[in-house]
Each structure stands twice: as C-alpha cells, then as structure tokens.
Protein backbone atom coordinates (compact mmCIF):
# COMPACT_ATOMS: atom_id res chain seq x y z
CA MET A 1 77.61 -28.15 -62.97
CA GLU A 2 74.36 -25.80 -62.84
CA LEU A 3 71.88 -27.24 -59.66
CA LYS A 4 68.06 -26.86 -60.81
CA HIS A 5 65.39 -27.54 -58.62
CA LYS A 6 61.82 -28.16 -59.43
CA PRO A 7 59.66 -28.58 -56.66
CA SER A 8 57.82 -31.70 -56.43
CA LYS A 9 53.95 -32.07 -57.21
CA PHE A 10 53.59 -33.31 -53.34
CA ILE A 11 55.49 -30.36 -51.83
CA ILE A 12 53.08 -28.18 -54.32
CA SER A 13 50.30 -29.81 -53.43
CA ILE A 14 50.38 -29.82 -49.69
CA SER A 15 51.40 -25.83 -49.87
CA ILE A 16 48.26 -24.91 -52.03
CA SER A 17 46.18 -27.02 -49.68
CA LEU A 18 47.62 -25.53 -46.45
CA ILE A 19 47.07 -21.97 -47.99
CA ILE A 20 43.29 -22.86 -48.98
CA LEU A 21 42.50 -24.64 -45.72
CA LEU A 22 44.10 -20.99 -43.69
CA SER A 23 41.69 -18.75 -45.77
CA SER A 24 38.77 -20.92 -45.66
CA TYR A 25 39.27 -21.05 -42.04
CA SER A 26 39.79 -17.09 -41.58
CA PHE A 27 36.75 -16.38 -43.73
CA PHE A 28 33.96 -18.88 -41.87
CA LEU A 29 35.26 -17.12 -38.74
CA GLN A 30 34.24 -13.25 -40.11
CA ILE A 31 31.10 -15.01 -41.44
CA ASN A 32 30.25 -16.66 -38.65
CA SER A 33 30.80 -13.62 -36.46
CA LYS A 34 28.43 -11.33 -38.61
CA THR A 35 25.96 -13.91 -38.65
CA LYS A 36 25.84 -14.48 -34.81
CA ILE A 37 26.16 -10.41 -33.62
CA SER A 38 23.25 -10.18 -36.15
CA LYS A 39 20.99 -11.88 -33.42
CA VAL A 40 21.79 -9.11 -31.08
CA ASN A 41 19.32 -7.27 -33.12
CA ASN A 42 16.49 -9.90 -32.86
CA LEU A 43 16.38 -9.18 -28.73
CA ASN A 44 12.76 -7.88 -29.04
CA SER A 45 11.32 -10.59 -31.61
CA TYR A 46 10.03 -12.37 -28.72
CA GLN A 47 6.75 -11.74 -27.51
CA MET A 48 4.92 -12.57 -24.40
CA ASN A 49 2.50 -15.34 -24.11
CA ASN A 50 -0.10 -17.68 -21.68
CA LEU A 51 0.27 -15.19 -19.08
CA ILE A 52 -1.56 -16.40 -16.21
CA GLU A 53 -2.68 -13.12 -14.16
CA GLY A 54 -3.91 -13.60 -10.40
CA SER A 55 -7.14 -12.57 -8.87
CA TYR A 56 -7.00 -9.32 -7.19
CA ILE A 57 -10.51 -8.79 -5.22
CA PRO A 58 -11.25 -5.97 -3.27
CA ILE A 59 -11.77 -6.88 0.57
CA ASN A 60 -12.63 -3.31 1.81
CA PRO A 61 -13.47 -1.58 -2.17
CA ASP A 62 -14.92 1.60 -0.84
CA GLY A 63 -12.17 2.50 1.54
CA LYS A 64 -14.17 3.21 4.61
CA LYS A 65 -11.93 3.12 7.67
CA PRO A 66 -13.90 1.32 10.62
CA VAL A 67 -15.11 3.33 13.69
CA GLY A 68 -15.65 0.86 16.63
CA THR A 69 -18.75 0.73 18.56
CA ILE A 70 -19.61 3.31 21.30
CA TYR A 71 -22.00 3.51 24.09
CA MET A 72 -23.07 5.66 26.79
CA ILE A 73 -23.56 3.89 30.18
CA SER A 74 -24.53 6.87 32.00
CA ILE A 75 -26.01 10.38 32.42
CA ASP A 76 -24.62 12.79 35.25
CA GLY A 77 -26.84 15.76 35.98
CA LEU A 78 -29.71 15.81 33.34
CA ALA A 79 -31.12 19.26 33.41
CA PRO A 80 -34.77 19.05 35.67
CA GLY A 81 -37.83 18.88 33.73
CA LEU A 82 -40.88 21.59 33.55
CA THR A 83 -44.31 22.19 32.81
CA LEU A 84 -45.91 23.47 29.96
CA ILE A 85 -49.26 24.50 31.94
CA ASN A 86 -50.77 27.77 32.33
CA PRO A 87 -48.76 29.31 35.35
CA ASN A 88 -52.36 31.10 36.90
CA ILE A 89 -53.35 27.39 37.64
CA ILE A 90 -50.15 26.60 39.68
CA ILE A 91 -50.98 30.46 41.41
CA ASP A 92 -54.27 29.71 42.47
CA LYS A 93 -53.43 26.40 43.77
CA ASN A 94 -55.07 24.57 41.43
CA MET A 95 -52.49 22.15 40.68
CA THR A 96 -49.09 21.39 41.56
CA PHE A 97 -46.19 20.07 39.87
CA THR A 98 -43.06 18.32 41.06
CA TYR A 99 -40.05 16.91 38.82
CA SER A 100 -39.48 13.65 40.45
CA GLY A 101 -36.31 12.89 38.74
CA TYR A 102 -34.74 10.47 35.69
CA LYS A 103 -33.57 7.02 35.44
CA PHE A 104 -30.78 6.20 32.62
CA LEU A 105 -31.82 2.66 31.33
CA GLY A 106 -28.99 2.57 28.70
CA THR A 107 -28.06 2.49 25.26
CA ILE A 108 -30.58 1.05 22.80
CA ALA A 109 -28.33 1.33 19.74
CA PRO A 110 -24.79 2.38 20.05
CA ALA A 111 -22.68 4.22 17.56
CA SER A 112 -21.40 2.27 14.98
CA SER A 113 -20.47 1.91 11.22
CA LYS A 114 -24.48 1.35 10.63
CA THR A 115 -25.35 4.77 11.90
CA ARG A 116 -22.37 6.67 10.97
CA ASP A 117 -22.69 9.35 8.54
CA TRP A 118 -19.64 8.43 6.22
CA GLU A 119 -19.83 11.29 3.87
CA ASN A 120 -19.77 13.64 6.67
CA PHE A 121 -17.91 11.96 9.12
CA LYS A 122 -20.39 11.85 11.60
CA GLY A 123 -22.54 9.38 13.73
CA ASN A 124 -25.36 8.94 16.65
CA LEU A 125 -26.13 6.55 19.50
CA THR A 126 -29.43 6.32 20.85
CA ILE A 127 -30.23 6.38 24.65
CA ARG A 128 -33.06 5.41 26.72
CA VAL A 129 -34.25 7.67 29.75
CA ASN A 130 -37.03 6.97 32.11
CA GLU A 131 -38.27 10.96 33.68
CA THR A 132 -40.83 11.37 36.03
CA ALA A 133 -43.14 13.93 37.02
CA LYS A 134 -45.80 14.07 39.87
CA PHE A 135 -49.21 16.54 38.94
CA GLN A 136 -51.54 17.15 41.99
CA TYR A 137 -54.67 18.72 41.07
CA TRP A 138 -57.84 19.83 43.04
CA TYR A 139 -61.41 20.83 41.72
CA ASN A 140 -61.23 23.05 38.63
CA GLU A 141 -63.13 24.71 35.61
CA THR A 142 -60.30 24.97 33.24
CA THR A 143 -58.76 22.68 30.42
CA LYS A 144 -58.14 19.24 32.07
CA LEU A 145 -54.31 19.02 30.82
CA VAL A 146 -51.13 18.33 32.21
CA SER A 147 -47.62 19.12 30.18
CA PHE A 148 -44.15 18.08 30.70
CA LYS A 149 -40.87 19.15 28.88
CA SER A 150 -37.40 17.81 29.04
CA GLU A 151 -34.02 18.38 27.64
CA LEU A 152 -34.42 15.39 25.67
CA SER A 153 -38.02 15.91 24.75
CA PRO A 154 -37.51 18.24 22.00
CA LYS A 155 -35.85 16.03 19.60
CA GLY A 156 -36.45 12.62 21.64
CA ILE A 157 -39.02 9.84 20.86
CA LEU A 158 -41.25 8.89 23.00
CA ARG A 159 -41.62 5.22 23.48
CA GLU A 160 -44.14 4.91 26.41
CA VAL A 161 -46.32 6.79 29.21
CA TYR A 162 -47.24 5.96 32.38
CA VAL A 163 -49.62 7.32 34.46
CA ASN A 164 -50.03 5.83 38.06
CA ASN A 165 -48.00 2.81 37.15
CA THR A 166 -50.50 2.03 34.22
CA GLN A 167 -49.05 2.28 30.64
CA ILE A 168 -51.38 4.56 28.37
CA ASP A 169 -51.59 4.74 24.62
CA LEU A 170 -49.60 7.01 23.13
CA SER A 171 -52.37 8.20 21.10
CA ASN A 172 -53.77 9.87 24.23
CA ILE A 173 -50.26 11.90 24.06
CA THR A 174 -49.82 15.15 22.46
CA HIS A 175 -46.54 16.67 21.45
CA SER A 176 -46.62 20.43 21.03
CA GLN A 177 -43.87 22.97 21.87
CA GLY A 178 -41.21 20.67 22.60
CA GLY A 179 -43.18 18.54 25.29
CA TYR A 180 -46.01 16.03 26.09
CA PHE A 181 -49.40 17.10 26.57
CA TYR A 182 -52.03 14.68 28.43
CA ASN A 183 -55.70 15.26 29.05
CA TYR A 184 -56.40 13.73 32.64
CA SER A 185 -60.38 13.99 31.92
CA HIS A 186 -60.64 10.51 32.72
CA TYR A 187 -59.17 10.64 36.10
CA TYR A 188 -60.47 14.21 37.23
CA ASN A 189 -64.21 12.21 36.30
CA GLN A 190 -63.33 9.51 39.30
CA LYS A 191 -61.66 12.31 41.53
CA VAL A 192 -61.53 15.78 41.20
CA ASN A 193 -58.80 15.62 43.80
CA ASP A 194 -55.77 13.38 43.11
CA THR A 195 -51.86 12.78 42.11
CA LEU A 196 -51.05 11.60 38.66
CA VAL A 197 -47.47 10.35 38.77
CA MET A 198 -46.63 10.05 35.10
CA SER A 199 -43.52 8.39 33.68
CA PHE A 200 -42.32 9.44 30.19
CA ILE A 201 -39.58 6.91 28.32
CA ILE A 202 -37.87 8.93 25.95
CA ASP A 203 -35.24 7.63 23.49
CA TYR A 204 -32.67 10.08 22.50
CA ASN A 205 -30.01 10.11 19.78
CA VAL A 206 -27.19 11.76 21.03
CA SER A 207 -25.23 13.18 18.17
CA ILE A 208 -21.39 12.43 17.28
CA SER A 209 -20.36 15.86 15.58
CA TYR A 210 -17.12 14.04 14.29
CA TRP A 211 -15.68 10.92 14.19
CA PHE A 212 -13.11 9.64 12.11
CA LEU A 213 -10.21 7.16 11.79
CA HIS A 214 -6.91 8.81 10.50
CA GLN A 215 -3.46 7.51 10.13
CA VAL A 216 -0.58 9.65 10.58
CA ASN A 217 2.41 9.68 8.33
CA ILE A 218 5.85 9.30 10.38
CA LYS A 219 8.54 10.71 8.80
CA THR A 220 11.23 8.12 9.03
CA ASN A 221 14.95 7.24 6.96
CA ARG A 222 14.82 4.84 4.15
CA THR A 223 15.90 2.32 6.29
CA ASP A 224 13.65 2.87 9.28
CA ASN A 225 9.76 1.32 8.89
CA PRO A 226 7.88 2.19 7.10
CA TYR A 227 9.88 1.22 4.42
CA LEU A 228 9.30 -2.17 2.45
CA ILE A 229 13.25 -3.15 2.52
CA ASN A 230 12.65 -6.92 2.92
CA LYS A 231 10.42 -9.13 0.74
CA THR A 232 8.72 -9.16 4.18
CA THR A 233 8.27 -6.56 6.26
CA ASN A 234 6.82 -5.49 9.47
CA ILE A 235 5.11 -2.44 9.26
CA GLU A 236 3.98 -0.15 12.70
CA GLY A 237 1.32 2.13 11.88
CA TYR A 238 0.46 5.08 13.78
CA TYR A 239 -3.62 5.90 14.51
CA ASN A 240 -5.88 9.06 15.53
CA TYR A 241 -8.89 7.91 16.21
CA SER A 242 -11.32 11.48 17.03
CA ILE A 243 -14.56 11.80 18.32
CA ALA A 244 -16.87 15.00 19.45
CA PHE A 245 -19.65 14.52 20.89
CA GLY A 246 -22.96 16.14 21.58
CA ASP A 247 -24.11 19.19 19.73
CA GLU A 248 -24.38 22.67 20.99
CA ASN A 249 -28.34 22.55 21.82
CA VAL A 250 -28.11 19.67 24.21
CA LYS A 251 -25.32 19.58 26.66
CA LEU A 252 -24.82 16.30 28.42
CA ASN A 253 -22.70 15.41 31.28
CA ALA A 254 -22.21 11.82 30.54
CA THR A 255 -19.66 8.70 30.66
CA PHE A 256 -19.31 7.11 27.45
CA LEU A 257 -17.72 3.65 26.69
CA ILE A 258 -15.46 3.96 23.58
CA ASN A 259 -14.61 0.34 21.69
CA PRO A 260 -12.10 1.41 19.40
CA PRO A 261 -11.69 -0.36 15.93
CA ASP A 262 -10.09 -3.71 16.41
CA GLN A 263 -9.20 -3.12 19.98
CA ASN A 264 -7.54 -6.31 20.47
CA TYR A 265 -5.03 -5.68 18.19
CA ILE A 266 -3.94 -2.11 19.07
CA TYR A 267 -1.52 -0.75 21.88
CA ASN A 268 0.65 2.43 22.96
CA ILE A 269 -2.70 3.75 23.61
CA SER A 270 -2.74 8.10 25.13
CA MET A 271 -5.76 10.74 24.49
CA ASN A 272 -5.72 14.31 23.23
CA ILE A 273 -8.19 17.15 23.67
CA TYR A 274 -8.60 19.82 21.42
CA GLN A 275 -10.54 22.60 22.65
CA GLY A 276 -11.31 26.13 20.97
CA ASN A 277 -11.13 27.05 17.71
CA ILE A 278 -11.53 24.53 14.84
CA GLU A 279 -8.98 25.91 12.72
CA ASN A 280 -6.24 26.81 15.33
CA PRO A 281 -7.53 24.37 18.48
CA LEU A 282 -5.81 24.42 21.78
CA VAL A 283 -4.36 20.79 21.85
CA SER A 284 -3.31 19.13 25.10
CA PRO A 285 -2.74 15.87 26.79
CA PHE A 286 -5.88 14.33 28.51
CA THR A 287 -5.35 11.83 30.93
CA SER A 288 -9.29 11.78 32.50
CA TYR A 289 -10.58 8.46 31.37
CA ILE A 290 -10.14 4.83 32.35
CA LYS A 291 -8.89 2.13 30.03
CA HIS A 292 -9.99 -1.43 30.79
CA SER A 293 -7.90 -4.60 29.71
CA ASN A 294 -9.50 -4.47 26.54
CA ASN A 295 -8.36 -1.41 25.44
CA SER A 296 -11.90 -0.09 25.98
CA ILE A 297 -11.54 3.58 27.00
CA GLN A 298 -14.20 5.00 29.67
CA LEU A 299 -14.57 8.80 29.51
CA SER A 300 -16.54 10.81 31.55
CA ILE A 301 -17.45 14.35 30.32
CA GLN A 302 -19.56 16.99 28.82
CA ALA A 303 -21.21 16.59 25.30
CA ASN A 304 -21.60 19.75 24.23
CA GLY A 305 -20.33 19.33 20.63
CA THR A 306 -17.01 21.28 20.12
CA THR A 307 -14.36 19.69 22.36
CA MET A 308 -13.09 16.74 20.19
CA TYR A 309 -11.35 13.76 22.06
CA SER A 310 -8.41 12.08 20.35
CA LEU A 311 -7.43 8.40 21.19
CA ASN A 312 -3.51 7.98 19.36
CA PHE A 313 -2.38 4.24 19.04
CA LYS A 314 -0.10 2.31 17.18
CA ALA A 315 -1.26 -1.26 15.48
CA ASN A 316 1.07 -3.99 13.65
CA PHE A 317 1.07 -5.00 10.21
CA LYS A 318 3.13 -7.48 8.07
CA LEU A 319 3.20 -6.95 4.28
CA GLN A 320 5.02 -9.25 1.79
CA PHE A 321 5.81 -9.60 -1.67
CA LEU A 322 4.36 -13.06 -3.64
CA ASN A 323 5.61 -15.12 -6.29
CA THR A 324 9.07 -13.01 -6.38
CA ASN A 325 12.10 -13.67 -8.76
CA GLY A 326 15.10 -14.71 -7.20
CA PRO A 327 16.38 -12.18 -5.10
CA ASN A 328 14.20 -9.27 -6.50
CA PHE A 329 10.96 -8.28 -4.95
CA TRP A 330 9.33 -8.28 -8.19
CA GLN A 331 6.72 -10.66 -9.95
CA MET A 332 7.92 -10.44 -13.28
CA ASP A 333 9.51 -8.22 -15.75
CA LEU A 334 8.27 -8.06 -19.79
CA LEU A 335 8.66 -6.49 -22.48
CA THR A 336 5.11 -5.09 -23.32
CA GLY A 337 5.51 -2.95 -26.71
CA GLY A 338 8.10 -1.68 -29.32
CA ILE A 339 11.53 -2.46 -28.73
CA ASP A 340 12.30 -0.84 -25.24
CA LEU A 341 8.75 -0.31 -23.12
CA ARG A 342 8.68 -2.70 -20.50
CA GLN A 343 6.42 -3.28 -17.32
CA ARG A 344 7.85 -4.71 -14.09
CA ILE A 345 5.16 -6.11 -12.08
CA TYR A 346 4.92 -6.73 -8.08
CA GLU A 347 2.19 -8.49 -5.97
CA ILE A 348 1.89 -7.42 -2.39
CA LYS A 349 -0.12 -8.67 0.42
CA CYS A 350 -1.22 -7.52 3.99
CA ILE A 351 -0.80 -10.98 5.61
CA GLU A 352 -1.22 -9.83 9.13
CA GLY A 353 -2.40 -7.43 10.98
CA PRO A 354 -5.65 -5.81 12.67
CA PRO A 355 -9.20 -7.65 10.71
CA SER A 356 -10.15 -4.20 9.42
CA ILE A 357 -7.71 -1.25 10.64
CA PRO A 358 -5.88 -0.65 6.68
CA ILE A 359 -2.52 0.21 6.77
CA SER A 360 -1.23 3.05 4.20
CA ASN A 361 1.60 5.32 4.60
CA PHE A 362 4.49 3.12 3.75
CA TYR A 363 7.08 2.98 0.87
CA TYR A 364 8.87 1.24 -1.68
CA ASN A 365 12.41 2.04 -3.17
CA GLU A 366 13.10 0.83 -6.55
CA THR A 367 16.42 1.59 -7.25
CA GLN A 368 17.05 -0.21 -10.73
CA ILE A 369 14.57 1.91 -12.88
CA PRO A 370 16.04 5.61 -12.90
CA PHE A 371 13.36 8.09 -12.30
CA PRO A 372 13.56 9.62 -16.20
CA ASP A 373 12.93 6.12 -17.62
CA LEU A 374 9.42 6.05 -15.19
CA ILE A 375 6.15 6.07 -17.58
CA SER A 376 3.67 5.35 -15.20
CA VAL A 377 2.55 3.21 -12.00
CA SER A 378 -0.72 1.76 -11.16
CA SER A 379 -2.24 -0.52 -8.86
CA GLU A 380 -4.81 -3.70 -9.65
CA LEU A 381 -6.99 -2.19 -7.52
CA GLY A 382 -7.44 1.13 -8.67
CA ARG A 383 -5.94 2.93 -5.54
CA PRO A 384 -3.69 5.97 -6.03
CA ILE A 385 0.17 5.09 -5.79
CA ASN A 386 2.37 8.50 -5.97
CA SER A 387 5.99 8.19 -7.38
CA GLU A 388 8.78 10.27 -6.52
CA ASP A 389 12.48 10.76 -7.57
CA MET A 390 14.79 9.14 -5.04
CA ASN A 391 17.50 11.44 -6.27
CA PHE A 392 16.08 14.73 -5.33
CA THR A 393 17.15 18.27 -5.15
CA ASN A 394 17.83 19.99 -1.93
CA GLU A 395 17.68 23.57 -1.26
CA TYR A 396 20.94 23.97 -2.61
CA ASN A 397 20.20 22.65 -5.86
CA ILE A 398 21.99 19.80 -5.70
CA LYS A 399 21.18 16.26 -6.75
CA ILE A 400 21.41 13.86 -3.46
CA GLY A 401 20.21 10.56 -2.65
CA PRO A 402 20.67 7.17 -4.99
CA ALA A 403 18.96 7.19 -8.48
CA GLY A 404 15.60 5.22 -8.75
CA VAL A 405 11.81 5.80 -8.23
CA LYS A 406 10.15 6.11 -4.72
CA LEU A 407 6.90 4.69 -4.72
CA ASN A 408 4.49 6.25 -1.97
CA PHE A 409 1.74 4.52 -0.99
CA MET A 410 -0.05 7.15 0.86
CA CYS A 411 -3.13 8.21 3.36
CA LYS A 412 -4.56 11.33 2.53
CA PHE A 413 -6.84 12.80 5.12
CA GLU A 414 -9.05 14.35 2.21
CA GLY A 415 -9.32 12.63 -1.40
CA GLU A 416 -8.70 9.26 -2.28
CA SER A 417 -5.67 7.34 -0.39
CA TYR A 418 -3.57 3.69 -1.29
CA TYR A 419 -4.71 1.32 1.32
CA LEU A 420 -4.45 -2.78 2.49
CA VAL A 421 -6.68 -4.77 4.86
CA LEU A 422 -5.81 -7.81 6.13
CA ASN A 423 -5.75 -10.84 3.42
CA GLU A 424 -6.15 -8.09 0.64
CA THR A 425 -3.59 -8.72 -2.49
CA ASP A 426 -2.60 -5.63 -4.84
CA LYS A 427 -0.56 -6.00 -8.26
CA ILE A 428 1.45 -2.92 -8.44
CA THR A 429 2.55 -2.25 -12.27
CA ILE A 430 5.20 0.19 -13.14
CA THR A 431 5.64 0.86 -16.94
CA TYR A 432 8.92 2.48 -18.07
CA LYS A 433 11.53 2.69 -21.01
CA ALA A 434 14.42 0.14 -21.13
CA SER A 435 16.48 2.82 -22.76
CA HIS A 436 20.05 1.59 -21.64
CA SER A 437 22.70 -0.58 -23.34
CA LEU A 438 24.86 -3.42 -22.03
CA ASN A 439 28.30 -3.34 -23.99
CA LEU A 440 30.41 -6.44 -23.31
CA ILE A 441 34.19 -7.04 -24.82
CA VAL A 442 35.45 -10.64 -23.60
CA LEU A 443 39.52 -11.12 -23.11
CA ASP A 444 41.65 -13.90 -22.99
CA ASN A 445 44.15 -14.63 -20.03
CA VAL A 446 46.72 -11.85 -21.98
CA LYS A 447 44.12 -9.20 -22.50
CA ILE A 448 43.22 -10.26 -25.81
CA PRO A 449 40.01 -10.08 -27.59
CA VAL A 450 38.29 -13.65 -28.15
CA GLY A 451 36.19 -14.02 -30.81
CA GLY A 452 33.59 -16.92 -31.05
CA ALA A 453 32.96 -16.78 -27.51
CA GLU A 454 29.22 -17.81 -25.82
CA LEU A 455 27.53 -15.81 -23.33
CA LYS A 456 24.35 -16.37 -21.39
CA ILE A 457 22.69 -13.07 -20.31
CA PHE A 458 21.16 -12.88 -16.37
CA TYR A 459 19.52 -9.91 -15.05
CA GLN A 460 19.69 -9.61 -11.40
CA ASP A 461 20.38 -13.36 -11.52
CA VAL A 462 17.18 -14.07 -13.36
CA PRO A 463 17.75 -15.71 -16.99
CA PHE A 464 16.97 -12.10 -19.09
CA GLY A 465 14.66 -12.14 -21.92
CA THR A 466 11.52 -10.01 -23.00
CA LEU A 467 9.60 -12.36 -20.54
CA MET A 468 11.00 -12.70 -16.93
CA SER A 469 9.43 -14.29 -13.79
CA ALA A 470 8.98 -17.36 -11.68
CA VAL A 471 6.46 -18.97 -14.08
CA LYS A 472 7.84 -18.49 -17.40
CA THR A 473 11.30 -17.25 -19.10
CA ASN A 474 11.10 -16.22 -22.56
CA GLN A 475 15.11 -16.03 -22.11
CA ILE A 476 17.16 -14.49 -25.31
CA PRO A 477 19.77 -16.80 -27.07
CA LEU A 478 23.09 -17.18 -26.65
CA LYS A 479 25.48 -14.34 -27.53
CA TYR A 480 28.59 -14.90 -29.60
CA THR A 481 31.33 -12.48 -29.67
CA ASP A 482 32.80 -11.13 -32.70
CA ASN A 483 36.26 -11.06 -33.74
CA SER A 484 36.92 -7.88 -31.42
CA GLY A 485 35.29 -9.88 -28.80
CA GLN A 486 32.39 -7.44 -28.36
CA VAL A 487 28.77 -8.10 -27.93
CA ILE A 488 26.46 -5.14 -27.45
CA LEU A 489 22.91 -5.51 -26.14
CA SER A 490 20.57 -2.34 -26.52
CA ASN A 491 17.23 -1.26 -25.02
CA VAL A 492 17.82 -3.57 -21.64
CA PRO A 493 16.56 -2.38 -18.61
CA ASN A 494 19.01 -0.10 -15.98
CA GLY A 495 20.83 -2.07 -13.60
CA LYS A 496 23.60 -5.16 -12.55
CA TYR A 497 23.85 -8.22 -15.02
CA SER A 498 26.15 -11.44 -14.47
CA ILE A 499 27.35 -13.13 -17.65
CA GLU A 500 28.29 -16.70 -17.96
CA VAL A 501 30.96 -17.11 -20.65
CA TYR A 502 31.41 -20.41 -22.58
CA TYR A 503 34.13 -21.12 -25.13
CA LYS A 504 34.29 -23.86 -27.35
CA GLY A 505 31.07 -25.39 -25.54
CA LYS A 506 33.63 -25.33 -22.02
CA TYR A 507 31.91 -23.21 -18.92
CA ILE A 508 34.69 -20.63 -18.08
CA SER A 509 33.25 -18.66 -15.18
CA THR A 510 30.40 -15.91 -14.13
CA TYR A 511 31.16 -12.07 -14.14
CA ASN A 512 29.51 -9.26 -12.96
CA VAL A 513 28.72 -6.27 -15.10
CA THR A 514 26.50 -3.38 -15.18
CA THR A 515 24.70 -0.81 -17.77
CA THR A 516 26.50 2.44 -15.94
CA ASN A 517 30.13 1.14 -17.30
CA SER A 518 30.10 2.38 -20.85
CA LEU A 519 32.47 -0.67 -21.31
CA ASN A 520 32.16 -3.82 -19.48
CA TYR A 521 35.62 -6.21 -19.84
CA ILE A 522 35.12 -9.72 -19.17
CA PHE A 523 38.87 -10.87 -18.10
CA THR A 524 38.91 -14.59 -18.73
CA SER A 525 41.09 -17.50 -18.43
CA ILE A 526 40.72 -18.68 -21.91
CA PRO A 527 44.23 -19.35 -23.32
CA HIS A 528 45.68 -16.86 -25.78
CA PHE A 529 46.13 -18.83 -29.20
CA PRO A 530 45.78 -16.34 -31.92
CA ILE A 531 45.35 -17.48 -35.67
CA TRP A 532 48.86 -15.80 -37.20
CA ILE A 533 50.77 -18.44 -35.04
CA ILE A 534 49.08 -21.39 -37.01
CA ILE A 535 49.72 -19.45 -40.08
CA PHE A 536 53.36 -18.76 -39.78
CA SER A 537 53.85 -22.10 -38.34
CA CYS A 538 52.30 -23.68 -41.76
CA ILE A 539 54.62 -21.65 -43.66
CA SER A 540 57.40 -22.40 -41.97
CA LEU A 541 56.65 -26.52 -42.17
CA VAL A 542 56.03 -26.09 -46.19
CA ILE A 543 59.38 -24.09 -46.22
CA CYS A 544 60.85 -26.65 -44.16
CA LEU A 545 59.94 -29.89 -45.92
CA ASN A 546 60.59 -28.22 -49.06
CA GLY A 547 64.24 -27.69 -48.08
CA ILE A 548 64.55 -31.22 -46.68
CA TYR A 549 63.35 -32.54 -50.10
CA ILE A 550 65.68 -30.61 -52.11
CA TYR A 551 68.97 -31.83 -49.66
CA ARG A 552 68.14 -35.15 -49.92
CA LYS A 553 67.53 -34.70 -53.66
CA TYR A 554 70.64 -33.21 -55.15
CA ARG A 555 73.01 -33.56 -52.44
CA ILE A 556 76.74 -34.81 -53.95
C-alpha cells in the first residue's frame, strides 16, 4: 500500500508564519540601521544659542608699566657759584664777592608716573636748593648791580630771594646770562659801604634720561615655570628696572632714594651698572648701595646722564583658568560655522601678584589642537598672542616635540606686548578646523560586530556636541551601530574620546578611543547570539513537528 503524505494546514500555516516573521525581522534590522546611521551626518545641524559672555574690562588699558618714585635726599659737592659783575669793580676793590655755600632743602616733586615721559622713557624730579652769596661794596660811581650764577641757575627756577634775611619781590631780579642780577641802589642810598648777604632759593629739575621697567624672558623647559601646566599656576617674573640719572650738562654728586614699583612685593634684589657705549655697554655688578627693609634703594652716585643703573628683582604671580570644563583648561568649545569651524575659549585671570606690575612671558601648550588645524588666536583685551608649532624642526631638519599649539604671551622690549595685571581677566579664543574622524567598530564577546548598539560620545570627559561648556551643552544624539558594528563621526576635534556603550537599553561599559587611530575597535561583553542560529532553530523545529505529525498519523 502506497503512503501518501499531505501536510496538514496547521503545519503549513506555522511554517509560512515563521518565514514571514524572520524575513520581516531581518528587513527591520537593515532599515533601522540605515536610518540611525543617517543621523551621523546630522552632527553639524545643531546651532549654538543663548551663550552668555563675560565682561572683560582692562584694568591697565594702555599697558603703561609702573615706575615707582625717586627722591633726591642730598647733594654732595655742588660746584661753587660765581658772580657776573664787571671784574674791574672787584680789582678796584669797589666790591668783593664770596660764595657762602648751599643748603639742600629737599625734593619738592619726586619722579613718578605723573612726571614721566612715557613715549621716550624719560622723567624728572624737582629739588630745592638754597645758595648764599655775600657782596661787600664801597663807594663807586658805577651801575649799582650785583649778580650771581650757580650751577643750577641756567635751567633752574628762582622761587625766592632774601637780602640780609629780608625777602624781596622777584620782580627786582633780572635773569640774564644764565644768572641773576639785582640793583642794590636802595641799600647804597642808605649806606655807601655795606655788606649784602643774598640767598637764592632755586628749584631745579633733575632729569632722568632713561627710566624703564622690563620683564626679562627666561628660557625654561615645558614642565618649568612659566608654563601654565595647572588650572592654577604660580609664575615667577624676572624684571629689570633701569635708570640713568641727570644729563651731560650738569653733573651732580647726589644721593637718591629709589622706591621701586610695588616694592613690598619684590624680592631677590641686585644691581648692575652699565657704562660706556649704549649699544655695547660694559656691564658689571654694582654693590655700592643701601637696601632698606622696605626694599627702598639708597644710591650715592654722580648723575651724569651717561651711566645707567639696573635694579634686578623677582615677583610672584598666580594665574588661574576660570569656568573650566571637567578636567580641561578651556571654558567652552563650540561649532561656529560650516561643518568644521570651531572655537576653543579660555578665561584666564591674574588672581594674585603685585598691585601694578604686569606679568608677561608665560606659555600655554594646547596639545589637542594640531598646529596645521590652527586658524587664529585672539585676546578679548586686544593684546597680541604669538602661536608656535610645538612639533618644531631642529637644526637637523627633524621634527621633535609633541603635536599641538604653543601660545606665547610675550613681553616685547619695543612694540605691543601681552600682559595681565592683578584682577584682570582675559578671554583667549583659538579658532581651528575640526578636520578629524572618529571611526568606531563595536564587537561582542567573540569579536563579532554588533548591530544596533547605542553609543554616547564624550570628548575629554565632556558630552560631545556642537557646544561644550560648563554652563550649556548641545550634545549630539545617541549613535547606533550598523550591521557591521560601525559608527563614523566626521569633522570632529582631534584628541581623546570616551564612549559609553548600551545594548538593548542596558549599560555595558565605557571605552577610551582617539582620533589618531584609523579604526577604534571596542571590545564589549555583549553575548554572541547571531540571527542565523535563530533561523536554523526555527527550520529545525518545523521539520521536527512535521515529522512527528506524519509518524503519528500513518504509523501501522
């Protein structure tokens, strides 16, 4: 007897249903992965909004460096005064002249920022001197004049004149030939033989032919001061405070008291003396000075206008990056134009230091922005910042050093310099091209690509997006791997990223990747359970069920 087998409608319907179900599931995976991959290309569609910018008001807008104050406290050996009267009168014994001496009355106006010529680095201080001369006259028929000329009178300002301890009106004094003339007829008419003791109170401007504070650039390694290697960094500034007293016309032997700028904040004071040709001076240490406890300097010298004295000292500062984002020094990083134009913004403030001395000559290395990506560097205060390639070429034409941008906050002897003073805040903006790619492949526990894994992207521990800041973040949406387990992010900043992996809503782990790798494999603990196992199991189940049915129905 021939067995004829006709599958039941039940078995047929189960088989068809399983095939349709598996086909639909496979089609859904393909469509879903394509849809989610397309979101990767929408990275740059988010726009920055509602950013609040700080107020950056310069405390020292013109960059004038403080100069302290300078006093003269004594004059030693002022040249004797002389008379300009007719020598014949003295020869004929009609008159005698005796220079009685001088008395230093003090500094009337010290050299300070108010008296400084900022354009030419010069200044002056005003001293007052009382010079006394004695005139003894006898009967004569000549013009009744006495005269006096001192070392200071040609350029001095006559303030008061006393004759025999009586002050006379300055209108009675004539200034001529660099000296002072006085008609003593009033006294002669009373007494034809007498002595006149005359005191001349003279103010004199002592010139400072060179007067300048300059911060010295000390060469250091990257790990040394003055590199900003922490969010708060102590910086030690080295300074030259240079002064040349007097001019070549008047050579005064005098003692000066120098109060350096912010004198209570400076230390390690020493002095050098510069002599000879200004282009190639002879420099030597100078020790003939007295340093007082408050760092004032007492200096006894000849003020001749040709010798320069340089006070060397140090001062401490503390600079701080403000409103930083996570472990980073920058305040925010944002997309500003197109698909790859970004800006990285820093806020830097001088939080400790002398009240008025500026700090310059410090550096910051931004190692996450390759120098070829750099477009520009700017200061909100409008001060110049130099940028250099950290990966420089040495004398053997070999590239050395890490990749990145070195910012040089330089003090120039001439021209505009970068500087900060106490409590001054600046915003530094680096504009650069985000021209890098992040290629990720997620693998399961047997190193098979995982489709449909969810990825959260973090840049330097900050949620990655078109705006990254401590105040506001426009984070990109979740990324989903395709059937090959891959996600590609284009036009992203160079550097290190961390990836949080989720699968079917469950957090798996966090992994570190970098743009320097062409492919970043993410090895996860996701269990391996591929679709072909499901399909084979279902087909086997259908065959098994069909066999059982035939056996039970046609068994003998």
